[in-house]
PDB file of N, CA and C in Angstrom:
ATOM      1  N   MET A   1       8.963-132.204-100.198  1.00  0.00           N
ATOM      2  CA  MET A   1       9.531-132.901 -99.054  1.00  0.00           C
ATOM      3  C   MET A   1       8.871-134.266 -98.933  1.00  0.00           C
ATOM      4  N   ALA A   2       9.646-135.311 -98.902  1.00  0.00           N
ATOM      5  CA  ALA A   2       9.108-136.662 -98.746  1.00  0.00           C
ATOM      6  C   ALA A   2       8.732-136.885 -97.286  1.00  0.00           C
ATOM      7  N   VAL A   3       7.582-137.489 -97.089  1.00  0.00           N
ATOM      8  CA  VAL A   3       7.087-137.767 -95.745  1.00  0.00           C
ATOM      9  C   VAL A   3       7.176-139.269 -95.519  1.00  0.00           C
ATOM     10  N   PRO A   4       7.774-139.714 -94.418  1.00  0.00           N
ATOM     11  CA  PRO A   4       7.866-141.158 -94.174  1.00  0.00           C
ATOM     12  C   PRO A   4       6.498-141.757 -93.869  1.00  0.00           C
ATOM     13  N   LEU A   5       6.319-142.991 -94.283  1.00  0.00           N
ATOM     14  CA  LEU A   5       5.074-143.710 -94.009  1.00  0.00           C
ATOM     15  C   LEU A   5       5.018-144.146 -92.552  1.00  0.00           C
ATOM     16  N   PRO A   6       3.834-144.139 -91.966  1.00  0.00           N
ATOM     17  CA  PRO A   6       3.697-144.689 -90.620  1.00  0.00           C
ATOM     18  C   PRO A   6       3.990-146.188 -90.624  1.00  0.00           C
ATOM     19  N   THR A   7       4.413-146.681 -89.477  1.00  0.00           N
ATOM     20  CA  THR A   7       4.709-148.106 -89.324  1.00  0.00           C
ATOM     21  C   THR A   7       3.752-148.690 -88.291  1.00  0.00           C
ATOM     22  N   ALA A   8       3.976-149.925 -87.919  1.00  0.00           N
ATOM     23  CA  ALA A   8       3.161-150.562 -86.885  1.00  0.00           C
ATOM     24  C   ALA A   8       3.379-149.900 -85.528  1.00  0.00           C
ATOM     25  N   GLN A   9       4.522-149.243 -85.341  1.00  0.00           N
ATOM     26  CA  GLN A   9       4.838-148.600 -84.068  1.00  0.00           C
ATOM     27  C   GLN A   9       4.638-147.081 -84.078  1.00  0.00           C
ATOM     28  N   THR A  10       4.434-146.483 -85.268  1.00  0.00           N
ATOM     29  CA  THR A  10       4.305-145.025 -85.367  1.00  0.00           C
ATOM     30  C   THR A  10       3.043-144.634 -86.114  1.00  0.00           C
ATOM     31  N   ARG A  11       2.694-143.352 -85.990  1.00  0.00           N
ATOM     32  CA  ARG A  11       1.578-142.793 -86.745  1.00  0.00           C
ATOM     33  C   ARG A  11       1.871-141.329 -87.013  1.00  0.00           C
ATOM     34  N   TRP A  12       1.082-140.726 -87.925  1.00  0.00           N
ATOM     35  CA  TRP A  12       1.267-139.321 -88.253  1.00  0.00           C
ATOM     36  C   TRP A  12       0.598-138.435 -87.218  1.00  0.00           C
ATOM     37  N   ARG A  13       1.167-137.244 -87.030  1.00  0.00           N
ATOM     38  CA  ARG A  13       0.591-136.216 -86.179  1.00  0.00           C
ATOM     39  C   ARG A  13       0.922-134.860 -86.784  1.00  0.00           C
ATOM     40  N   CYS A  14      -0.083-133.986 -86.909  1.00  0.00           N
ATOM     41  CA  CYS A  14       0.139-132.622 -87.394  1.00  0.00           C
ATOM     42  C   CYS A  14       0.849-131.835 -86.291  1.00  0.00           C
ATOM     43  N   THR A  15       1.953-131.199 -86.638  1.00  0.00           N
ATOM     44  CA  THR A  15       2.712-130.443 -85.644  1.00  0.00           C
ATOM     45  C   THR A  15       2.045-129.127 -85.277  1.00  0.00           C
ATOM     46  N   LEU A  16       1.092-128.660 -86.101  1.00  0.00           N
ATOM     47  CA  LEU A  16       0.440-127.386 -85.810  1.00  0.00           C
ATOM     48  C   LEU A  16      -0.801-127.531 -84.929  1.00  0.00           C
ATOM     49  N   CYS A  17      -1.668-128.513 -85.246  1.00  0.00           N
ATOM     50  CA  CYS A  17      -2.930-128.611 -84.505  1.00  0.00           C
ATOM     51  C   CYS A  17      -3.065-129.895 -83.685  1.00  0.00           C
ATOM     52  N   GLY A  18      -2.180-130.862 -83.885  1.00  0.00           N
ATOM     53  CA  GLY A  18      -2.238-132.104 -83.118  1.00  0.00           C
ATOM     54  C   GLY A  18      -3.097-133.194 -83.730  1.00  0.00           C
ATOM     55  N   ASN A  19      -3.679-132.965 -84.908  1.00  0.00           N
ATOM     56  CA  ASN A  19      -4.508-133.955 -85.583  1.00  0.00           C
ATOM     57  C   ASN A  19      -3.761-135.285 -85.731  1.00  0.00           C
ATOM     58  N   LEU A  20      -4.461-136.378 -85.430  1.00  0.00           N
ATOM     59  CA  LEU A  20      -3.880-137.721 -85.567  1.00  0.00           C
ATOM     60  C   LEU A  20      -4.638-138.593 -86.567  1.00  0.00           C
ATOM     61  N   THR A  21      -5.751-138.102 -87.115  1.00  0.00           N
ATOM     62  CA  THR A  21      -6.636-139.012 -87.835  1.00  0.00           C
ATOM     63  C   THR A  21      -7.027-138.633 -89.256  1.00  0.00           C
ATOM     64  N   ARG A  22      -6.905-137.384 -89.674  1.00  0.00           N
ATOM     65  CA  ARG A  22      -7.411-136.989 -90.986  1.00  0.00           C
ATOM     66  C   ARG A  22      -6.353-136.241 -91.793  1.00  0.00           C
ATOM     67  N   PHE A  23      -5.951-136.841 -92.935  1.00  0.00           N
ATOM     68  CA  PHE A  23      -4.927-136.246 -93.780  1.00  0.00           C
ATOM     69  C   PHE A  23      -5.260-136.492 -95.250  1.00  0.00           C
ATOM     70  N   ASP A  24      -4.910-135.540 -96.106  1.00  0.00           N
ATOM     71  CA  ASP A  24      -4.955-135.724 -97.553  1.00  0.00           C
ATOM     72  C   ASP A  24      -3.539-136.057 -97.990  1.00  0.00           C
ATOM     73  N   VAL A  25      -3.368-137.192 -98.654  1.00  0.00           N
ATOM     74  CA  VAL A  25      -2.045-137.688 -99.020  1.00  0.00           C
ATOM     75  C   VAL A  25      -1.909-137.679-100.538  1.00  0.00           C
ATOM     76  N   THR A  26      -0.849-137.036-101.036  1.00  0.00           N
ATOM     77  CA  THR A  26      -0.516-137.068-102.456  1.00  0.00           C
ATOM     78  C   THR A  26       0.659-138.016-102.609  1.00  0.00           C
ATOM     79  N   ARG A  27       0.463-139.057-103.426  1.00  0.00           N
ATOM     80  CA  ARG A  27       1.514-140.056-103.591  1.00  0.00           C
ATOM     81  C   ARG A  27       1.714-140.390-105.064  1.00  0.00           C
ATOM     82  N   SER A  28       2.925-140.791-105.384  1.00  0.00           N
ATOM     83  CA  SER A  28       3.259-141.305-106.715  1.00  0.00           C
ATOM     84  C   SER A  28       3.488-142.798-106.578  1.00  0.00           C
ATOM     85  N   THR A  29       2.856-143.551-107.460  1.00  0.00           N
ATOM     86  CA  THR A  29       2.969-145.007-107.404  1.00  0.00           C
ATOM     87  C   THR A  29       3.414-145.523-108.763  1.00  0.00           C
ATOM     88  N   ARG A  30       4.348-146.447-108.730  1.00  0.00           N
ATOM     89  CA  ARG A  30       4.777-147.161-109.932  1.00  0.00           C
ATOM     90  C   ARG A  30       4.318-148.596-109.745  1.00  0.00           C
ATOM     91  N   ALA A  31       3.492-149.084-110.696  1.00  0.00           N
ATOM     92  CA  ALA A  31       2.888-150.402-110.515  1.00  0.00           C
ATOM     93  C   ALA A  31       2.764-151.139-111.845  1.00  0.00           C
ATOM     94  N   VAL A  32       2.694-152.461-111.732  1.00  0.00           N
ATOM     95  CA  VAL A  32       2.381-153.322-112.867  1.00  0.00           C
ATOM     96  C   VAL A  32       0.983-153.881-112.606  1.00  0.00           C
ATOM     97  N   GLU A  33       0.101-153.739-113.591  1.00  0.00           N
ATOM     98  CA  GLU A  33      -1.276-154.214-113.426  1.00  0.00           C
ATOM     99  C   GLU A  33      -1.630-155.220-114.516  1.00  0.00           C
ATOM    100  N   TYR A  34      -2.350-156.255-114.125  1.00  0.00           N
ATOM    101  CA  TYR A  34      -2.930-157.195-115.076  1.00  0.00           C
ATOM    102  C   TYR A  34      -4.352-156.715-115.314  1.00  0.00           C
ATOM    103  N   VAL A  35      -4.604-156.256-116.543  1.00  0.00           N
ATOM    104  CA  VAL A  35      -5.908-155.700-116.888  1.00  0.00           C
ATOM    105  C   VAL A  35      -6.649-156.690-117.774  1.00  0.00           C
ATOM    106  N   HIS A  36      -7.870-157.015-117.375  1.00  0.00           N
ATOM    107  CA  HIS A  36      -8.721-157.913-118.140  1.00  0.00           C
ATOM    108  C   HIS A  36      -9.831-157.086-118.783  1.00  0.00           C
ATOM    109  N   LEU A  37      -9.949-157.192-120.089  1.00  0.00           N
ATOM    110  CA  LEU A  37     -11.017-156.509-120.808  1.00  0.00           C
ATOM    111  C   LEU A  37     -12.142-157.502-121.073  1.00  0.00           C
ATOM    112  N   ASP A  38     -13.380-157.115-120.717  1.00  0.00           N
ATOM    113  CA  ASP A  38     -14.495-158.012-121.034  1.00  0.00           C
ATOM    114  C   ASP A  38     -14.836-157.871-122.514  1.00  0.00           C
ATOM    115  N   LEU A  39     -15.791-158.629-122.991  1.00  0.00           N
ATOM    116  CA  LEU A  39     -16.110-158.625-124.421  1.00  0.00           C
ATOM    117  C   LEU A  39     -16.622-157.283-124.906  1.00  0.00           C
ATOM    118  N   ALA A  40     -17.152-156.452-124.017  1.00  0.00           N
ATOM    119  CA  ALA A  40     -17.603-155.108-124.385  1.00  0.00           C
ATOM    120  C   ALA A  40     -16.456-154.102-124.352  1.00  0.00           C
ATOM    121  N   GLY A  41     -15.288-154.540-123.899  1.00  0.00           N
ATOM    122  CA  GLY A  41     -14.129-153.669-123.862  1.00  0.00           C
ATOM    123  C   GLY A  41     -13.929-152.922-122.559  1.00  0.00           C
ATOM    124  N   GLU A  42     -14.716-153.254-121.518  1.00  0.00           N
ATOM    125  CA  GLU A  42     -14.573-152.602-120.213  1.00  0.00           C
ATOM    126  C   GLU A  42     -13.391-153.204-119.456  1.00  0.00           C
ATOM    127  N   PRO A  43     -12.440-152.368-119.052  1.00  0.00           N
ATOM    128  CA  PRO A  43     -11.265-152.894-118.338  1.00  0.00           C
ATOM    129  C   PRO A  43     -11.549-153.131-116.853  1.00  0.00           C
ATOM    130  N   ARG A  44     -10.876-154.142-116.312  1.00  0.00           N
ATOM    131  CA  ARG A  44     -10.927-154.418-114.875  1.00  0.00           C
ATOM    132  C   ARG A  44      -9.533-154.883-114.461  1.00  0.00           C
ATOM    133  N   VAL A  45      -8.975-154.237-113.433  1.00  0.00           N
ATOM    134  CA  VAL A  45      -7.658-154.620-112.925  1.00  0.00           C
ATOM    135  C   VAL A  45      -7.849-155.829-112.024  1.00  0.00           C
ATOM    136  N   GLU A  46      -7.229-156.948-112.399  1.00  0.00           N
ATOM    137  CA  GLU A  46      -7.379-158.180-111.628  1.00  0.00           C
ATOM    138  C   GLU A  46      -6.185-158.438-110.710  1.00  0.00           C
ATOM    139  N   GLU A  47      -5.023-157.919-111.063  1.00  0.00           N
ATOM    140  CA  GLU A  47      -3.835-158.062-110.222  1.00  0.00           C
ATOM    141  C   GLU A  47      -3.064-156.755-110.277  1.00  0.00           C
ATOM    142  N   ARG A  48      -2.454-156.400-109.148  1.00  0.00           N
ATOM    143  CA  ARG A  48      -1.665-155.171-109.088  1.00  0.00           C
ATOM    144  C   ARG A  48      -0.448-155.412-108.205  1.00  0.00           C
ATOM    145  N   GLU A  49       0.714-155.131-108.755  1.00  0.00           N
ATOM    146  CA  GLU A  49       1.968-155.236-108.003  1.00  0.00           C
ATOM    147  C   GLU A  49       2.594-153.855-107.922  1.00  0.00           C
ATOM    148  N   VAL A  50       2.736-153.320-106.719  1.00  0.00           N
ATOM    149  CA  VAL A  50       3.338-152.007-106.525  1.00  0.00           C
ATOM    150  C   VAL A  50       4.858-152.174-106.534  1.00  0.00           C
ATOM    151  N   LEU A  51       5.512-151.494-107.471  1.00  0.00           N
ATOM    152  CA  LEU A  51       6.965-151.564-107.607  1.00  0.00           C
ATOM    153  C   LEU A  51       7.646-150.489-106.769  1.00  0.00           C
ATOM    154  N   GLY A  52       6.965-149.380-106.587  1.00  0.00           N
ATOM    155  CA  GLY A  52       7.519-148.289-105.794  1.00  0.00           C
ATOM    156  C   GLY A  52       6.449-147.280-105.480  1.00  0.00           C
ATOM    157  N   GLU A  53       6.597-146.642-104.322  1.00  0.00           N
ATOM    158  CA  GLU A  53       5.606-145.651-103.917  1.00  0.00           C
ATOM    159  C   GLU A  53       6.300-144.566-103.106  1.00  0.00           C
ATOM    160  N   THR A  54       5.983-143.318-103.417  1.00  0.00           N
ATOM    161  CA  THR A  54       6.566-142.182-102.728  1.00  0.00           C
ATOM    162  C   THR A  54       5.447-141.258-102.263  1.00  0.00           C
ATOM    163  N   ILE A  55       5.474-140.892-100.992  1.00  0.00           N
ATOM    164  CA  ILE A  55       4.540-139.903-100.471  1.00  0.00           C
ATOM    165  C   ILE A  55       5.122-138.534-100.814  1.00  0.00           C
ATOM    166  N   GLU A  56       4.398-137.751-101.604  1.00  0.00           N
ATOM    167  CA  GLU A  56       4.894-136.444-102.025  1.00  0.00           C
ATOM    168  C   GLU A  56       4.543-135.356-101.027  1.00  0.00           C
ATOM    169  N   SER A  57       3.324-135.391-100.517  1.00  0.00           N
ATOM    170  CA  SER A  57       2.927-134.391 -99.524  1.00  0.00           C
ATOM    171  C   SER A  57       1.770-134.926 -98.694  1.00  0.00           C
ATOM    172  N   VAL A  58       1.649-134.369 -97.496  1.00  0.00           N
ATOM    173  CA  VAL A  58       0.552-134.716 -96.600  1.00  0.00           C
ATOM    174  C   VAL A  58      -0.024-133.402 -96.083  1.00  0.00           C
ATOM    175  N   ARG A  59      -1.343-133.241 -96.255  1.00  0.00           N
ATOM    176  CA  ARG A  59      -2.026-132.032 -95.806  1.00  0.00           C
ATOM    177  C   ARG A  59      -2.991-132.389 -94.696  1.00  0.00           C
ATOM    178  N   CYS A  60      -2.946-131.629 -93.607  1.00  0.00           N
ATOM    179  CA  CYS A  60      -3.847-131.848 -92.481  1.00  0.00           C
ATOM    180  C   CYS A  60      -5.260-131.404 -92.855  1.00  0.00           C
ATOM    181  N   ARG A  61      -6.233-132.251 -92.637  1.00  0.00           N
ATOM    182  CA  ARG A  61      -7.623-131.920 -92.930  1.00  0.00           C
ATOM    183  C   ARG A  61      -8.216-130.945 -91.920  1.00  0.00           C
ATOM    184  N   TRP A  62      -7.652-130.863 -90.727  1.00  0.00           N
ATOM    185  CA  TRP A  62      -8.194-129.975 -89.688  1.00  0.00           C
ATOM    186  C   TRP A  62      -7.741-128.539 -89.872  1.00  0.00           C
ATOM    187  N   CYS A  63      -6.436-128.321 -90.045  1.00  0.00           N
ATOM    188  CA  CYS A  63      -5.925-126.939 -90.111  1.00  0.00           C
ATOM    189  C   CYS A  63      -5.376-126.561 -91.483  1.00  0.00           C
ATOM    190  N   ASN A  64      -5.404-127.505 -92.437  1.00  0.00           N
ATOM    191  CA  ASN A  64      -4.975-127.260 -93.816  1.00  0.00           C
ATOM    192  C   ASN A  64      -3.463-127.058 -93.956  1.00  0.00           C
ATOM    193  N   ALA A  65      -2.697-127.396 -92.954  1.00  0.00           N
ATOM    194  CA  ALA A  65      -1.242-127.257 -93.023  1.00  0.00           C
ATOM    195  C   ALA A  65      -0.670-128.303 -93.975  1.00  0.00           C
ATOM    196  N   VAL A  66       0.293-127.888 -94.780  1.00  0.00           N
ATOM    197  CA  VAL A  66       0.932-128.792 -95.740  1.00  0.00           C
ATOM    198  C   VAL A  66       2.328-129.140 -95.245  1.00  0.00           C
ATOM    199  N   ASP A  67       2.635-130.417 -95.274  1.00  0.00           N
ATOM    200  CA  ASP A  67       3.959-130.918 -94.897  1.00  0.00           C
ATOM    201  C   ASP A  67       4.364-130.514 -93.479  1.00  0.00           C
ATOM    202  N   GLN A  68       3.424-130.511 -92.571  1.00  0.00           N
ATOM    203  CA  GLN A  68       3.692-130.236 -91.156  1.00  0.00           C
ATOM    204  C   GLN A  68       3.414-131.488 -90.333  1.00  0.00           C
ATOM    205  N   VAL A  69       3.758-132.651 -90.911  1.00  0.00           N
ATOM    206  CA  VAL A  69       3.448-133.926 -90.278  1.00  0.00           C
ATOM    207  C   VAL A  69       4.722-134.551 -89.737  1.00  0.00           C
ATOM    208  N   GLU A  70       4.619-135.104 -88.543  1.00  0.00           N
ATOM    209  CA  GLU A  70       5.732-135.830 -87.944  1.00  0.00           C
ATOM    210  C   GLU A  70       5.274-137.231 -87.580  1.00  0.00           C
ATOM    211  N   LEU A  71       6.227-138.117 -87.412  1.00  0.00           N
ATOM    212  CA  LEU A  71       5.917-139.457 -86.925  1.00  0.00           C
ATOM    213  C   LEU A  71       6.027-139.464 -85.414  1.00  0.00           C
ATOM    214  N   VAL A  72       4.989-140.002 -84.766  1.00  0.00           N
ATOM    215  CA  VAL A  72       5.002-140.153 -83.312  1.00  0.00           C
ATOM    216  C   VAL A  72       4.694-141.611 -82.986  1.00  0.00           C
ATOM    217  N   ASP A  73       5.074-142.034 -81.796  1.00  0.00           N
ATOM    218  CA  ASP A  73       4.804-143.400 -81.377  1.00  0.00           C
ATOM    219  C   ASP A  73       3.308-143.633 -81.202  1.00  0.00           C
ATOM    220  N   ARG A  74       2.859-144.832 -81.580  1.00  0.00           N
ATOM    221  CA  ARG A  74       1.470-145.212 -81.325  1.00  0.00           C
ATOM    222  C   ARG A  74       1.337-145.525 -79.836  1.00  0.00           C
ATOM    223  N   PRO A  75       0.143-145.324 -79.289  1.00  0.00           N
ATOM    224  CA  PRO A  75      -0.042-145.670 -77.873  1.00  0.00           C
ATOM    225  C   PRO A  75       0.053-147.183 -77.687  1.00  0.00           C
ATOM    226  N   SER A  76       0.522-147.591 -76.552  1.00  0.00           N
ATOM    227  CA  SER A  76       0.625-149.010 -76.219  1.00  0.00           C
ATOM    228  C   SER A  76      -0.757-149.571 -75.963  1.00  0.00           C
ATOM    229  N   THR A  77      -1.009-150.779 -76.461  1.00  0.00           N
ATOM    230  CA  THR A  77      -2.299-151.410 -76.244  1.00  0.00           C
ATOM    231  C   THR A  77      -2.344-152.155 -74.913  1.00  0.00           C
ATOM    232  N   GLY A  78      -1.189-152.371 -74.312  1.00  0.00           N
ATOM    233  CA  GLY A  78      -1.141-153.077 -73.038  1.00  0.00           C
ATOM    234  C   GLY A  78      -1.234-154.587 -73.174  1.00  0.00           C
ATOM    235  N   GLN A  79      -1.319-155.077 -74.421  1.00  0.00           N
ATOM    236  CA  GLN A  79      -1.396-156.526 -74.661  1.00  0.00           C
ATOM    237  C   GLN A  79      -0.023-157.020 -75.098  1.00  0.00           C
ATOM    238  N   SER A  80       0.333-158.210 -74.652  1.00  0.00           N
ATOM    239  CA  SER A  80       1.600-158.778 -75.095  1.00  0.00           C
ATOM    240  C   SER A  80       1.391-159.572 -76.375  1.00  0.00           C
ATOM    241  N   ALA A  81       2.401-159.598 -77.190  1.00  0.00           N
ATOM    242  CA  ALA A  81       2.305-160.256 -78.501  1.00  0.00           C
ATOM    243  C   ALA A  81       2.462-161.746 -78.410  1.00  0.00           C
TER     244      ALA A  81
END
C-alpha cells in the first residue's frame, strides 16, 4: 500500500496508538548521481537528482503497526504568512 507523503499542511499519525513523531519508512528511489572517484578509487556522490520516489511502507516505532498511518492536519502556529 502506498502511503502519501506529508505536506506543509499535513503530517503522519498512527491510527492505532496516536504516534506523531517516530516512523520507519521503506522507500524506493530512482535517482541520477554524479559520482567522483578520488585517485585512490574512493567514490563520493557530489550531485544527486531524484527522478522518482515511492513510499512503500511506514511502520510505527511505538506500537510496531505497519501501514496504519494516516495524514492529519498540522497544528496552526498562529502566525500569519
